[in-house]
Amino acid sequence: MDVLYFAWVRERIGLPKEKVETQAATVGDLVAELSAREERYAVAFADLSALRVALDQELSDFDASLAGVREVAFFPPMTGG
């Protein structure tokens, strides 16, 4: 699946996107797998309350299933203005 990173998440990980082979069942499982890879992922995902996630361009939760998902995007909350 494609994993996309936006704003400071991209800056901390150092990539705008990557293809990931995973056995993760949920977004939370995917975050745990990525965090275990390298320190830069662990730093980016250290505070999940500061992150939002979208599955196939639909806002979702970290306990959501990844079954059939083609794209996961991580980004900070948006502010209006």
PDB file of N, CA and C in Angstrom:
ATOM      1  N   MET A   1       0.844  -1.169   0.000  1.00  0.00           N
ATOM      2  CA  MET A   1       0.000   0.000   0.000  1.00  0.00           C
ATOM      3  C   MET A   1       0.893   1.237   0.000  1.00  0.00           C
ATOM      4  N   ASP A   2       0.336   2.339  -0.465  1.00  0.00           N
ATOM      5  CA  ASP A   2       1.057   3.604  -0.441  1.00  0.00           C
ATOM      6  C   ASP A   2       0.820   4.271   0.908  1.00  0.00           C
ATOM      7  N   VAL A   3       1.900   4.773   1.506  1.00  0.00           N
ATOM      8  CA  VAL A   3       1.804   5.524   2.750  1.00  0.00           C
ATOM      9  C   VAL A   3       2.341   6.925   2.460  1.00  0.00           C
ATOM     10  N   LEU A   4       1.514   7.930   2.732  1.00  0.00           N
ATOM     11  CA  LEU A   4       1.865   9.317   2.463  1.00  0.00           C
ATOM     12  C   LEU A   4       2.046  10.064   3.774  1.00  0.00           C
ATOM     13  N   TYR A   5       3.016  10.984   3.772  1.00  0.00           N
ATOM     14  CA  TYR A   5       3.317  11.789   4.953  1.00  0.00           C
ATOM     15  C   TYR A   5       3.245  13.263   4.564  1.00  0.00           C
ATOM     16  N   PHE A   6       2.589  14.074   5.410  1.00  0.00           N
ATOM     17  CA  PHE A   6       2.426  15.489   5.117  1.00  0.00           C
ATOM     18  C   PHE A   6       2.949  16.353   6.256  1.00  0.00           C
ATOM     19  N   ALA A   7       3.333  17.584   5.908  1.00  0.00           N
ATOM     20  CA  ALA A   7       3.765  18.617   6.846  1.00  0.00           C
ATOM     21  C   ALA A   7       4.934  18.128   7.709  1.00  0.00           C
ATOM     22  N   TRP A   8       4.865  18.321   9.018  1.00  0.00           N
ATOM     23  CA  TRP A   8       6.005  17.964   9.866  1.00  0.00           C
ATOM     24  C   TRP A   8       6.219  16.454   9.944  1.00  0.00           C
ATOM     25  N   VAL A   9       5.199  15.663   9.641  1.00  0.00           N
ATOM     26  CA  VAL A   9       5.382  14.204   9.619  1.00  0.00           C
ATOM     27  C   VAL A   9       6.381  13.858   8.506  1.00  0.00           C
ATOM     28  N   ARG A  10       6.204  14.462   7.346  1.00  0.00           N
ATOM     29  CA  ARG A  10       7.128  14.256   6.219  1.00  0.00           C
ATOM     30  C   ARG A  10       8.529  14.738   6.585  1.00  0.00           C
ATOM     31  N   GLU A  11       8.611  15.888   7.250  1.00  0.00           N
ATOM     32  CA  GLU A  11       9.921  16.420   7.638  1.00  0.00           C
ATOM     33  C   GLU A  11      10.654  15.486   8.586  1.00  0.00           C
ATOM     34  N   ARG A  12       9.961  14.911   9.546  1.00  0.00           N
ATOM     35  CA  ARG A  12      10.600  14.018  10.525  1.00  0.00           C
ATOM     36  C   ARG A  12      11.002  12.689   9.904  1.00  0.00           C
ATOM     37  N   ILE A  13      10.171  12.167   9.017  1.00  0.00           N
ATOM     38  CA  ILE A  13      10.472  10.873   8.400  1.00  0.00           C
ATOM     39  C   ILE A  13      11.427  11.044   7.223  1.00  0.00           C
ATOM     40  N   GLY A  14      11.345  12.181   6.548  1.00  0.00           N
ATOM     41  CA  GLY A  14      12.253  12.455   5.447  1.00  0.00           C
ATOM     42  C   GLY A  14      11.785  11.943   4.097  1.00  0.00           C
ATOM     43  N   LEU A  15      10.509  11.550   4.019  1.00  0.00           N
ATOM     44  CA  LEU A  15       9.938  11.048   2.773  1.00  0.00           C
ATOM     45  C   LEU A  15       8.539  11.609   2.594  1.00  0.00           C
ATOM     46  N   PRO A  16       8.132  11.926   1.352  1.00  0.00           N
ATOM     47  CA  PRO A  16       6.744  12.334   1.140  1.00  0.00           C
ATOM     48  C   PRO A  16       5.808  11.135   1.050  1.00  0.00           C
ATOM     49  N   LYS A  17       6.333   9.998   0.543  1.00  0.00           N
ATOM     50  CA  LYS A  17       5.521   8.779   0.469  1.00  0.00           C
ATOM     51  C   LYS A  17       6.428   7.581   0.245  1.00  0.00           C
ATOM     52  N   GLU A  18       5.864   6.414   0.487  1.00  0.00           N
ATOM     53  CA  GLU A  18       6.583   5.165   0.250  1.00  0.00           C
ATOM     54  C   GLU A  18       5.589   4.034   0.073  1.00  0.00           C
ATOM     55  N   LYS A  19       6.035   2.987  -0.589  1.00  0.00           N
ATOM     56  CA  LYS A  19       5.239   1.756  -0.688  1.00  0.00           C
ATOM     57  C   LYS A  19       5.624   0.877   0.494  1.00  0.00           C
ATOM     58  N   VAL A  20       4.622   0.336   1.174  1.00  0.00           N
ATOM     59  CA  VAL A  20       4.863  -0.467   2.371  1.00  0.00           C
ATOM     60  C   VAL A  20       4.174  -1.815   2.209  1.00  0.00           C
ATOM     61  N   GLU A  21       4.925  -2.866   2.432  1.00  0.00           N
ATOM     62  CA  GLU A  21       4.359  -4.213   2.529  1.00  0.00           C
ATOM     63  C   GLU A  21       4.109  -4.458   4.008  1.00  0.00           C
ATOM     64  N   THR A  22       2.884  -4.763   4.369  1.00  0.00           N
ATOM     65  CA  THR A  22       2.558  -4.903   5.790  1.00  0.00           C
ATOM     66  C   THR A  22       1.567  -6.034   6.025  1.00  0.00           C
ATOM     67  N   GLN A  23       1.635  -6.575   7.205  1.00  0.00           N
ATOM     68  CA  GLN A  23       0.651  -7.543   7.668  1.00  0.00           C
ATOM     69  C   GLN A  23      -0.257  -6.902   8.714  1.00  0.00           C
ATOM     70  N   ALA A  24      -0.135  -5.591   8.898  1.00  0.00           N
ATOM     71  CA  ALA A  24      -0.912  -4.869   9.904  1.00  0.00           C
ATOM     72  C   ALA A  24      -2.406  -4.986   9.621  1.00  0.00           C
ATOM     73  N   ALA A  25      -3.169  -5.214  10.674  1.00  0.00           N
ATOM     74  CA  ALA A  25      -4.623  -5.320  10.551  1.00  0.00           C
ATOM     75  C   ALA A  25      -5.303  -3.970  10.695  1.00  0.00           C
ATOM     76  N   THR A  26      -4.696  -3.074  11.482  1.00  0.00           N
ATOM     77  CA  THR A  26      -5.281  -1.763  11.736  1.00  0.00           C
ATOM     78  C   THR A  26      -4.241  -0.676  11.500  1.00  0.00           C
ATOM     79  N   VAL A  27      -4.709   0.565  11.467  1.00  0.00           N
ATOM     80  CA  VAL A  27      -3.790   1.696  11.338  1.00  0.00           C
ATOM     81  C   VAL A  27      -2.810   1.700  12.510  1.00  0.00           C
ATOM     82  N   GLY A  28      -3.310   1.444  13.703  1.00  0.00           N
ATOM     83  CA  GLY A  28      -2.441   1.399  14.882  1.00  0.00           C
ATOM     84  C   GLY A  28      -1.344   0.357  14.744  1.00  0.00           C
ATOM     85  N   ASP A  29      -1.683  -0.802  14.183  1.00  0.00           N
ATOM     86  CA  ASP A  29      -0.679  -1.844  13.948  1.00  0.00           C
ATOM     87  C   ASP A  29       0.374  -1.363  12.948  1.00  0.00           C
ATOM     88  N   LEU A  30      -0.072  -0.646  11.918  1.00  0.00           N
ATOM     89  CA  LEU A  30       0.858  -0.112  10.925  1.00  0.00           C
ATOM     90  C   LEU A  30       1.798   0.904  11.569  1.00  0.00           C
ATOM     91  N   VAL A  31       1.256   1.772  12.401  1.00  0.00           N
ATOM     92  CA  VAL A  31       2.077   2.756  13.104  1.00  0.00           C
ATOM     93  C   VAL A  31       3.126   2.044  13.962  1.00  0.00           C
ATOM     94  N   ALA A  32       2.733   0.976  14.649  1.00  0.00           N
ATOM     95  CA  ALA A  32       3.678   0.219  15.474  1.00  0.00           C
ATOM     96  C   ALA A  32       4.783  -0.388  14.614  1.00  0.00           C
ATOM     97  N   GLU A  33       4.423  -0.952  13.453  1.00  0.00           N
ATOM     98  CA  GLU A  33       5.426  -1.517  12.540  1.00  0.00           C
ATOM     99  C   GLU A  33       6.393  -0.449  12.054  1.00  0.00           C
ATOM    100  N   LEU A  34       5.849   0.688  11.629  1.00  0.00           N
ATOM    101  CA  LEU A  34       6.700   1.761  11.126  1.00  0.00           C
ATOM    102  C   LEU A  34       7.593   2.313  12.230  1.00  0.00           C
ATOM    103  N   SER A  35       7.042   2.503  13.415  1.00  0.00           N
ATOM    104  CA  SER A  35       7.812   3.047  14.540  1.00  0.00           C
ATOM    105  C   SER A  35       8.976   2.147  14.923  1.00  0.00           C
ATOM    106  N   ALA A  36       8.807   0.838  14.722  1.00  0.00           N
ATOM    107  CA  ALA A  36       9.864  -0.117  15.068  1.00  0.00           C
ATOM    108  C   ALA A  36      10.985  -0.131  14.025  1.00  0.00           C
ATOM    109  N   ARG A  37      10.749   0.428  12.850  1.00  0.00           N
ATOM    110  CA  ARG A  37      11.742   0.436  11.770  1.00  0.00           C
ATOM    111  C   ARG A  37      13.002   1.210  12.121  1.00  0.00           C
ATOM    112  N   GLU A  38      12.787   2.488  12.442  1.00  0.00           N
ATOM    113  CA  GLU A  38      13.885   3.419  12.671  1.00  0.00           C
ATOM    114  C   GLU A  38      13.426   4.501  13.633  1.00  0.00           C
ATOM    115  N   GLU A  39      14.395   5.173  14.229  1.00  0.00           N
ATOM    116  CA  GLU A  39      14.112   6.238  15.193  1.00  0.00           C
ATOM    117  C   GLU A  39      13.280   7.363  14.574  1.00  0.00           C
ATOM    118  N   ARG A  40      13.536   7.705  13.317  1.00  0.00           N
ATOM    119  CA  ARG A  40      12.804   8.817  12.696  1.00  0.00           C
ATOM    120  C   ARG A  40      11.294   8.542  12.640  1.00  0.00           C
ATOM    121  N   TYR A  41      10.905   7.287  12.434  1.00  0.00           N
ATOM    122  CA  TYR A  41       9.480   6.934  12.444  1.00  0.00           C
ATOM    123  C   TYR A  41       8.935   7.012  13.865  1.00  0.00           C
ATOM    124  N   ALA A  42       9.704   6.508  14.821  1.00  0.00           N
ATOM    125  CA  ALA A  42       9.273   6.540  16.222  1.00  0.00           C
ATOM    126  C   ALA A  42       9.043   7.977  16.680  1.00  0.00           C
ATOM    127  N   VAL A  43       9.923   8.880  16.259  1.00  0.00           N
ATOM    128  CA  VAL A  43       9.766  10.294  16.618  1.00  0.00           C
ATOM    129  C   VAL A  43       8.506  10.870  15.968  1.00  0.00           C
ATOM    130  N   ALA A  44       8.288  10.572  14.706  1.00  0.00           N
ATOM    131  CA  ALA A  44       7.124  11.110  13.989  1.00  0.00           C
ATOM    132  C   ALA A  44       5.803  10.625  14.585  1.00  0.00           C
ATOM    133  N   PHE A  45       5.789   9.373  15.060  1.00  0.00           N
ATOM    134  CA  PHE A  45       4.553   8.790  15.579  1.00  0.00           C
ATOM    135  C   PHE A  45       4.488   8.764  17.102  1.00  0.00           C
ATOM    136  N   ALA A  46       5.351   9.511  17.771  1.00  0.00           N
ATOM    137  CA  ALA A  46       5.420   9.474  19.234  1.00  0.00           C
ATOM    138  C   ALA A  46       4.132   9.950  19.906  1.00  0.00           C
ATOM    139  N   ASP A  47       3.449  10.912  19.313  1.00  0.00           N
ATOM    140  CA  ASP A  47       2.232  11.466  19.922  1.00  0.00           C
ATOM    141  C   ASP A  47       1.085  11.373  18.919  1.00  0.00           C
ATOM    142  N   LEU A  48       0.348  10.282  18.970  1.00  0.00           N
ATOM    143  CA  LEU A  48      -0.733  10.069  18.006  1.00  0.00           C
ATOM    144  C   LEU A  48      -1.863  11.092  18.154  1.00  0.00           C
ATOM    145  N   SER A  49      -1.970  11.724  19.314  1.00  0.00           N
ATOM    146  CA  SER A  49      -3.011  12.739  19.476  1.00  0.00           C
ATOM    147  C   SER A  49      -2.717  13.967  18.609  1.00  0.00           C
ATOM    148  N   ALA A  50      -1.492  14.089  18.126  1.00  0.00           N
ATOM    149  CA  ALA A  50      -1.102  15.208  17.261  1.00  0.00           C
ATOM    150  C   ALA A  50      -1.180  14.827  15.785  1.00  0.00           C
ATOM    151  N   LEU A  51      -1.752  13.671  15.484  1.00  0.00           N
ATOM    152  CA  LEU A  51      -1.835  13.188  14.104  1.00  0.00           C
ATOM    153  C   LEU A  51      -3.264  12.861  13.706  1.00  0.00           C
ATOM    154  N   ARG A  52      -3.508  12.945  12.428  1.00  0.00           N
ATOM    155  CA  ARG A  52      -4.743  12.470  11.831  1.00  0.00           C
ATOM    156  C   ARG A  52      -4.356  11.466  10.761  1.00  0.00           C
ATOM    157  N   VAL A  53      -5.316  10.632  10.390  1.00  0.00           N
ATOM    158  CA  VAL A  53      -5.057   9.625   9.363  1.00  0.00           C
ATOM    159  C   VAL A  53      -6.235   9.580   8.402  1.00  0.00           C
ATOM    160  N   ALA A  54      -5.914   9.349   7.134  1.00  0.00           N
ATOM    161  CA  ALA A  54      -6.941   9.156   6.116  1.00  0.00           C
ATOM    162  C   ALA A  54      -6.661   7.846   5.391  1.00  0.00           C
ATOM    163  N   LEU A  55      -7.707   7.081   5.165  1.00  0.00           N
ATOM    164  CA  LEU A  55      -7.605   5.823   4.427  1.00  0.00           C
ATOM    165  C   LEU A  55      -8.311   6.014   3.095  1.00  0.00           C
ATOM    166  N   ASP A  56      -7.588   5.843   2.017  1.00  0.00           N
ATOM    167  CA  ASP A  56      -8.127   6.093   0.677  1.00  0.00           C
ATOM    168  C   ASP A  56      -8.853   7.440   0.618  1.00  0.00           C
ATOM    169  N   GLN A  57      -8.208   8.452   1.187  1.00  0.00           N
ATOM    170  CA  GLN A  57      -8.642   9.852   1.173  1.00  0.00           C
ATOM    171  C   GLN A  57      -9.906  10.134   1.989  1.00  0.00           C
ATOM    172  N   GLU A  58     -10.202   9.247   2.943  1.00  0.00           N
ATOM    173  CA  GLU A  58     -11.323   9.469   3.870  1.00  0.00           C
ATOM    174  C   GLU A  58     -10.770   9.504   5.292  1.00  0.00           C
ATOM    175  N   LEU A  59     -11.097  10.556   6.054  1.00  0.00           N
ATOM    176  CA  LEU A  59     -10.638  10.627   7.441  1.00  0.00           C
ATOM    177  C   LEU A  59     -11.048   9.378   8.196  1.00  0.00           C
ATOM    178  N   SER A  60     -10.161   8.906   9.042  1.00  0.00           N
ATOM    179  CA  SER A  60     -10.415   7.664   9.763  1.00  0.00           C
ATOM    180  C   SER A  60      -9.805   7.731  11.150  1.00  0.00           C
ATOM    181  N   ASP A  61      -9.838   6.593  11.847  1.00  0.00           N
ATOM    182  CA  ASP A  61      -9.276   6.476  13.193  1.00  0.00           C
ATOM    183  C   ASP A  61      -8.123   5.480  13.191  1.00  0.00           C
ATOM    184  N   PHE A  62      -7.325   5.535  14.252  1.00  0.00           N
ATOM    185  CA  PHE A  62      -6.165   4.656  14.339  1.00  0.00           C
ATOM    186  C   PHE A  62      -6.540   3.204  14.618  1.00  0.00           C
ATOM    187  N   ASP A  63      -7.797   2.956  15.010  1.00  0.00           N
ATOM    188  CA  ASP A  63      -8.223   1.570  15.219  1.00  0.00           C
ATOM    189  C   ASP A  63      -8.951   1.008  13.994  1.00  0.00           C
ATOM    190  N   ALA A  64      -8.966   1.762  12.902  1.00  0.00           N
ATOM    191  CA  ALA A  64      -9.648   1.330  11.681  1.00  0.00           C
ATOM    192  C   ALA A  64      -8.907   0.187  10.993  1.00  0.00           C
ATOM    193  N   SER A  65      -9.664  -0.678  10.368  1.00  0.00           N
ATOM    194  CA  SER A  65      -9.105  -1.810   9.624  1.00  0.00           C
ATOM    195  C   SER A  65      -8.418  -1.333   8.348  1.00  0.00           C
ATOM    196  N   LEU A  66      -7.342  -2.025   7.982  1.00  0.00           N
ATOM    197  CA  LEU A  66      -6.634  -1.740   6.739  1.00  0.00           C
ATOM    198  C   LEU A  66      -7.062  -2.673   5.602  1.00  0.00           C
ATOM    199  N   ALA A  67      -8.039  -3.526   5.850  1.00  0.00           N
ATOM    200  CA  ALA A  67      -8.494  -4.477   4.828  1.00  0.00           C
ATOM    201  C   ALA A  67      -8.945  -3.725   3.572  1.00  0.00           C
ATOM    202  N   GLY A  68      -8.335  -4.027   2.459  1.00  0.00           N
ATOM    203  CA  GLY A  68      -8.701  -3.425   1.184  1.00  0.00           C
ATOM    204  C   GLY A  68      -8.203  -2.008   0.958  1.00  0.00           C
ATOM    205  N   VAL A  69      -7.505  -1.450   1.918  1.00  0.00           N
ATOM    206  CA  VAL A  69      -7.024  -0.069   1.801  1.00  0.00           C
ATOM    207  C   VAL A  69      -5.811  -0.014   0.871  1.00  0.00           C
ATOM    208  N   ARG A  70      -5.808   0.968  -0.027  1.00  0.00           N
ATOM    209  CA  ARG A  70      -4.693   1.140  -0.963  1.00  0.00           C
ATOM    210  C   ARG A  70      -3.764   2.283  -0.559  1.00  0.00           C
ATOM    211  N   GLU A  71      -4.312   3.270   0.192  1.00  0.00           N
ATOM    212  CA  GLU A  71      -3.516   4.443   0.544  1.00  0.00           C
ATOM    213  C   GLU A  71      -3.808   4.876   1.972  1.00  0.00           C
ATOM    214  N   VAL A  72      -2.732   5.119   2.728  1.00  0.00           N
ATOM    215  CA  VAL A  72      -2.828   5.639   4.093  1.00  0.00           C
ATOM    216  C   VAL A  72      -2.055   6.948   4.124  1.00  0.00           C
ATOM    217  N   ALA A  73      -2.670   7.993   4.650  1.00  0.00           N
ATOM    218  CA  ALA A  73      -2.008   9.290   4.750  1.00  0.00           C
ATOM    219  C   ALA A  73      -1.987   9.754   6.198  1.00  0.00           C
ATOM    220  N   PHE A  74      -0.829  10.221   6.641  1.00  0.00           N
ATOM    221  CA  PHE A  74      -0.669  10.754   7.996  1.00  0.00           C
ATOM    222  C   PHE A  74      -0.370  12.238   7.896  1.00  0.00           C
ATOM    223  N   PHE A  75      -1.039  13.045   8.749  1.00  0.00           N
ATOM    224  CA  PHE A  75      -0.858  14.489   8.688  1.00  0.00           C
ATOM    225  C   PHE A  75      -1.300  15.091  10.024  1.00  0.00           C
ATOM    226  N   PRO A  76      -0.820  16.311  10.320  1.00  0.00           N
ATOM    227  CA  PRO A  76      -1.257  16.983  11.542  1.00  0.00           C
ATOM    228  C   PRO A  76      -2.670  17.526  11.358  1.00  0.00           C
ATOM    229  N   PRO A  77      -3.369  17.827  12.455  1.00  0.00           N
ATOM    230  CA  PRO A  77      -4.710  18.409  12.342  1.00  0.00           C
ATOM    231  C   PRO A  77      -4.659  19.712  11.545  1.00  0.00           C
ATOM    232  N   MET A  78      -5.699  19.960  10.804  1.00  0.00           N
ATOM    233  CA  MET A  78      -5.784  21.192  10.014  1.00  0.00           C
ATOM    234  C   MET A  78      -6.447  22.273  10.863  1.00  0.00           C
ATOM    235  N   THR A  79      -6.028  23.491  10.657  1.00  0.00           N
ATOM    236  CA  THR A  79      -6.674  24.622  11.322  1.00  0.00           C
ATOM    237  C   THR A  79      -7.293  25.510  10.281  1.00  0.00           C
ATOM    238  N   GLY A  80      -8.400  26.112  10.634  1.00  0.00           N
ATOM    239  CA  GLY A  80      -9.082  27.015   9.708  1.00  0.00           C
ATOM    240  C   GLY A  80      -8.505  28.418   9.797  1.00  0.00           C
ATOM    241  N   GLY A  81      -8.876  29.239   8.852  1.00  0.00           N
ATOM    242  CA  GLY A  81      -8.373  30.589   8.939  1.00  0.00           C
ATOM    243  C   GLY A  81      -8.687  31.414   7.745  1.00  0.00           C
TER     244      GLY A  81
END
